[in-house]
C-alpha atoms as a PDB file:
ATOM      1  CA  MET A   1      -4.445  -4.763 -10.466  1.00  0.00           C
ATOM      2  CA  ILE A   2      -1.567  -3.731  -7.756  1.00  0.00           C
ATOM      3  CA  LEU A   3      -2.562  -0.771  -5.330  1.00  0.00           C
ATOM      4  CA  THR A   4       0.102   1.953  -5.733  1.00  0.00           C
ATOM      5  CA  CYS A   5       1.780   3.468  -2.650  1.00  0.00           C
ATOM      6  CA  THR A   6      -0.577   6.242  -1.846  1.00  0.00           C
ATOM      7  CA  ARG A   7       2.356   8.571  -0.063  1.00  0.00           C
ATOM      8  CA  CYS A   8       4.416   8.264  -3.179  1.00  0.00           C
ATOM      9  CA  GLU A   9       1.688   7.764  -5.779  1.00  0.00           C
ATOM     10  CA  GLY A  10       3.851   4.796  -6.708  1.00  0.00           C
ATOM     11  CA  GLU A  11       7.035   6.764  -7.933  1.00  0.00           C
ATOM     12  CA  GLY A  12       9.114   4.496  -5.217  1.00  0.00           C
ATOM     13  CA  SER A  13      10.953   7.456  -4.310  1.00  0.00           C
ATOM     14  CA  ILE A  14      10.193  10.511  -2.459  1.00  0.00           C
ATOM     15  CA  TYR A  15      10.755  14.177  -3.592  1.00  0.00           C
ATOM     16  CA  ALA A  16      11.370  17.163  -2.002  1.00  0.00           C
ATOM     17  CA  SER A  17      11.736  20.959  -2.796  1.00  0.00           C
ATOM     18  CA  ARG A  18      14.073  22.987  -2.121  1.00  0.00           C
ATOM     19  CA  TYR A  19      12.277  26.393  -1.020  1.00  0.00           C
ATOM     20  CA  GLY A  20       8.796  24.319  -0.551  1.00  0.00           C
ATOM     21  CA  GLY A  21       5.170  24.816  -1.931  1.00  0.00           C
ATOM     22  CA  ASN A  22       4.747  24.002  -5.395  1.00  0.00           C
ATOM     23  CA  ASP A  23       8.259  24.812  -6.443  1.00  0.00           C
ATOM     24  CA  PRO A  24       8.970  23.031  -9.734  1.00  0.00           C
ATOM     25  CA  ASP A  25      12.986  22.626  -8.485  1.00  0.00           C
ATOM     26  CA  VAL A  26      12.614  18.863  -6.876  1.00  0.00           C
ATOM     27  CA  TRP A  27      14.953  16.207  -6.300  1.00  0.00           C
ATOM     28  CA  ARG A  28      14.811  12.477  -5.034  1.00  0.00           C
ATOM     29  CA  VAL A  29      15.263  12.443  -1.354  1.00  0.00           C
ATOM     30  CA  GLY A  30      15.433   8.665  -1.649  1.00  0.00           C
ATOM     31  CA  PRO A  31      13.153   5.463  -1.351  1.00  0.00           C
ATOM     32  CA  CYS A  32       9.581   5.397  -0.305  1.00  0.00           C
ATOM     33  CA  GLU A  33       9.747   4.252   3.301  1.00  0.00           C
ATOM     34  CA  ASP A  34       6.132   2.765   3.103  1.00  0.00           C
ATOM     35  CA  CYS A  35       6.376   0.668   0.203  1.00  0.00           C
ATOM     36  CA  GLY A  36      10.445   0.109   0.209  1.00  0.00           C
ATOM     37  CA  GLY A  37      10.882   1.802  -3.279  1.00  0.00           C
ATOM     38  CA  SER A  38       8.802  -0.580  -5.132  1.00  0.00           C
ATOM     39  CA  GLY A  39       5.578   1.919  -6.102  1.00  0.00           C
ATOM     40  CA  ASN A  40       3.324  -0.640  -4.922  1.00  0.00           C
ATOM     41  CA  MET A  41       1.241  -0.641  -1.828  1.00  0.00           C
ATOM     42  CA  ALA A  42       2.121  -3.188   0.850  1.00  0.00           C
ATOM     43  CA  CYS A  43      -0.602  -5.472   2.907  1.00  0.00           C
ATOM     44  CA  GLU A  44      -1.380  -4.379   6.317  1.00  0.00           C
ATOM     45  CA  ALA A  45      -2.347  -7.160   7.207  1.00  0.00           C
ATOM     46  CA  ARG A  46      -0.954  -9.198  10.007  1.00  0.00           C
ATOM     47  CA  GLY A  47       2.532  -7.958   8.635  1.00  0.00           C
ATOM     48  CA  CYS A  48       1.946  -9.698   5.614  1.00  0.00           C
ATOM     49  CA  GLY A  49       4.275  -7.594   2.931  1.00  0.00           C
ATOM     50  CA  GLU A  50       2.644  -9.027  -0.138  1.00  0.00           C
ATOM     51  CA  ASP A  51       1.531  -7.012  -3.076  1.00  0.00           C
ATOM     52  CA  ALA A  52      -1.637  -4.796  -2.200  1.00  0.00           C
ATOM     53  CA  VAL A  53      -4.404  -5.626  -4.346  1.00  0.00           C
ATOM     54  CA  ALA A  54      -7.647  -4.051  -2.407  1.00  0.00           C
ATOM     55  CA  PHE A  55      -9.215  -2.424   0.458  1.00  0.00           C
ATOM     56  CA  ASN A  56     -11.178  -3.880   3.167  1.00  0.00           C
ATOM     57  CA  ASP A  57     -14.338  -1.886   5.118  1.00  0.00           C
ATOM     58  CA  ASP A  58     -11.950  -0.717   7.782  1.00  0.00           C
ATOM     59  CA  GLY A  59      -9.777   0.846   5.007  1.00  0.00           C
ATOM     60  CA  GLU A  60      -6.527  -1.422   5.423  1.00  0.00           C
ATOM     61  CA  ALA A  61      -4.826  -2.482   2.199  1.00  0.00           C
ATOM     62  CA  LEU A  62      -4.792  -6.020   1.671  1.00  0.00           C
ATOM     63  CA  CYS A  63      -3.009  -8.855  -0.508  1.00  0.00           C
ATOM     64  CA  GLU A  64      -5.375 -11.814  -2.670  1.00  0.00           C
ATOM     65  CA  ASP A  65      -4.895 -14.400  -0.100  1.00  0.00           C
ATOM     66  CA  CYS A  66      -5.728 -11.887   2.877  1.00  0.00           C
ATOM     67  CA  LEU A  67      -8.483 -10.228   1.468  1.00  0.00           C
ATOM     68  CA  PHE A  68     -10.111 -14.180   0.682  1.00  0.00           C
ATOM     69  CA  GLU A  69      -9.486 -14.756   4.559  1.00  0.00           C
ATOM     70  CA  TRP A  70     -10.667 -11.557   5.435  1.00  0.00           C
ATOM     71  CA  THR A  71     -14.132 -11.907   2.927  1.00  0.00           C
ATOM     72  CA  LEU A  72     -14.622 -15.398   4.555  1.00  0.00           C
ATOM     73  CA  SER A  73     -14.742 -14.038   8.075  1.00  0.00           C
ATOM     74  CA  GLU A  74     -16.617 -11.350   7.098  1.00  0.00           C
ATOM     75  CA  ALA A  75     -19.376 -14.183   5.909  1.00  0.00           C
ATOM     76  CA  GLY A  76     -19.207 -16.266   8.979  1.00  0.00           C
ATOM     77  CA  LEU A  77     -17.588 -19.033   6.894  1.00  0.00           C
ATOM     78  CA  GLU A  78     -14.115 -19.403   8.070  1.00  0.00           C
ATOM     79  CA  ASP A  79     -14.576 -22.499  10.279  1.00  0.00           C
ATOM     80  CA  ALA A  80     -16.557 -24.071   6.849  1.00  0.00           C
ATOM     81  CA  GLU A  81     -14.000 -26.505   6.307  1.00  0.00           C
END
């Protein structure tokens, strides 16, 4: 399961109201800069850029590979090879 972007809530676009507030008259102002218009949250580890699947204990969104590496480092197993 891929996490949806927290800024655009998975829409991939940013919408704005002409009058502000909760006015229903909104229009698309462009793609979401945080997710690049995909609607998916990107991995925040080392600038990875893959789609994130979970958050670590620090609140960072991580892809499968980075989450696996983080889990190994937290368990102290990163040098067990």
